[in-house]
Amino acid sequence: MSHATLISAIGVSLLLLAFVGSSSKIIAQQSLAYWLFNLVGGALATVGAWLIGSVPFMVLEAVWTVASLVGLVKLFKQRK
C-alpha cells in the first residue's frame, strides 16, 4: 500500500466514522469530536488526493476541510 493510499484511507475512515457516528446518534453533530473527525479526515483525504494527482477529489476534500473548520470555529464561539 502506498503512502498516498494509506493517508487517503485514514482520512476517509475518519470522515465515515463521523458520518456513521452522527447517523446512529453516537456522535452529536455539534460536538467537538464530530468536527475534529471531519476536519482531520478531510485534511488527510486532501493530502492523499494531492499525492495521487486527483484534482476533483482534492477540491472536494479541501472544501470539506474548510467547511469543517468553519463548523469548529462556530462551535468554539457558541461555547464562549
Protein backbone atom coordinates (compact mmCIF):
# COMPACT_ATOMS: atom_id res chain seq x y z
CA MET A 1 0.00 0.00 0.00
CA SER A 2 1.42 3.38 -0.98
CA HIS A 3 1.71 6.30 1.42
CA ALA A 4 -0.89 8.24 -0.58
CA THR A 5 -3.37 5.37 -0.32
CA LEU A 6 -2.76 4.97 3.40
CA ILE A 7 -3.19 8.71 4.08
CA SER A 8 -6.37 8.79 1.99
CA ALA A 9 -7.74 5.67 3.66
CA ILE A 10 -7.21 7.09 7.14
CA GLY A 11 -8.81 10.39 6.12
CA VAL A 12 -11.84 8.78 4.51
CA SER A 13 -12.19 6.43 7.50
CA LEU A 14 -12.38 9.42 9.85
CA LEU A 15 -15.00 11.06 7.61
CA LEU A 16 -17.06 7.87 7.58
CA LEU A 17 -16.67 7.50 11.34
CA ALA A 18 -18.13 10.99 11.79
CA PHE A 19 -20.97 10.22 9.37
CA VAL A 20 -21.88 6.83 10.82
CA GLY A 21 -21.48 8.10 14.38
CA SER A 22 -23.75 11.04 13.64
CA SER A 23 -26.31 8.95 11.76
CA SER A 24 -26.52 6.43 14.57
CA LYS A 25 -26.68 9.18 17.22
CA ILE A 26 -23.39 8.05 18.82
CA ILE A 27 -21.68 11.35 17.97
CA ALA A 28 -23.64 14.61 18.16
CA GLN A 29 -23.40 16.73 15.01
CA GLN A 30 -22.47 19.77 17.06
CA SER A 31 -19.81 18.02 19.13
CA LEU A 32 -16.08 18.64 19.13
CA ALA A 33 -15.45 15.02 18.10
CA TYR A 34 -17.70 15.34 15.03
CA TRP A 35 -15.97 18.47 13.76
CA LEU A 36 -12.47 17.18 14.52
CA PHE A 37 -13.10 13.87 12.72
CA ASN A 38 -14.34 15.83 9.71
CA LEU A 39 -11.51 18.37 9.83
CA VAL A 40 -8.67 15.88 10.20
CA GLY A 41 -10.30 13.36 7.87
CA GLY A 42 -10.87 15.99 5.20
CA ALA A 43 -7.33 17.31 5.52
CA LEU A 44 -5.79 13.84 5.23
CA ALA A 45 -8.00 12.97 2.27
CA THR A 46 -6.98 16.27 0.63
CA VAL A 47 -3.30 15.42 1.04
CA GLY A 48 -3.87 11.91 -0.28
CA ALA A 49 -5.73 13.26 -3.32
CA TRP A 50 -2.94 15.74 -3.98
CA LEU A 51 -0.34 12.97 -3.76
CA ILE A 52 -2.14 10.88 -6.38
CA GLY A 53 -2.97 13.88 -8.55
CA SER A 54 -6.75 13.61 -8.33
CA VAL A 55 -7.83 17.24 -8.68
CA PRO A 56 -11.62 16.70 -8.37
CA PHE A 57 -11.18 14.65 -5.20
CA MET A 58 -8.69 17.20 -3.85
CA VAL A 59 -11.16 20.07 -4.42
CA LEU A 60 -13.99 18.11 -2.78
CA GLU A 61 -11.91 17.29 0.28
CA ALA A 62 -10.43 20.80 0.54
CA VAL A 63 -13.93 22.28 0.61
CA TRP A 64 -14.95 19.65 3.17
CA THR A 65 -11.97 20.64 5.31
CA VAL A 66 -12.75 24.35 5.13
CA ALA A 67 -16.42 23.72 5.95
CA SER A 68 -15.34 21.62 8.93
CA LEU A 69 -13.01 24.37 10.11
CA VAL A 70 -15.88 26.87 9.90
CA GLY A 71 -18.08 24.49 11.90
CA LEU A 72 -15.37 24.07 14.53
CA VAL A 73 -14.90 27.84 14.85
CA LYS A 74 -18.66 28.29 15.25
CA LEU A 75 -18.70 25.60 17.93
CA PHE A 76 -16.00 27.40 19.92
CA LYS A 77 -17.80 30.75 19.53
CA GLN A 78 -21.02 29.19 20.87
CA ARG A 79 -19.18 27.83 23.90
CA LYS A 80 -17.95 31.29 24.94
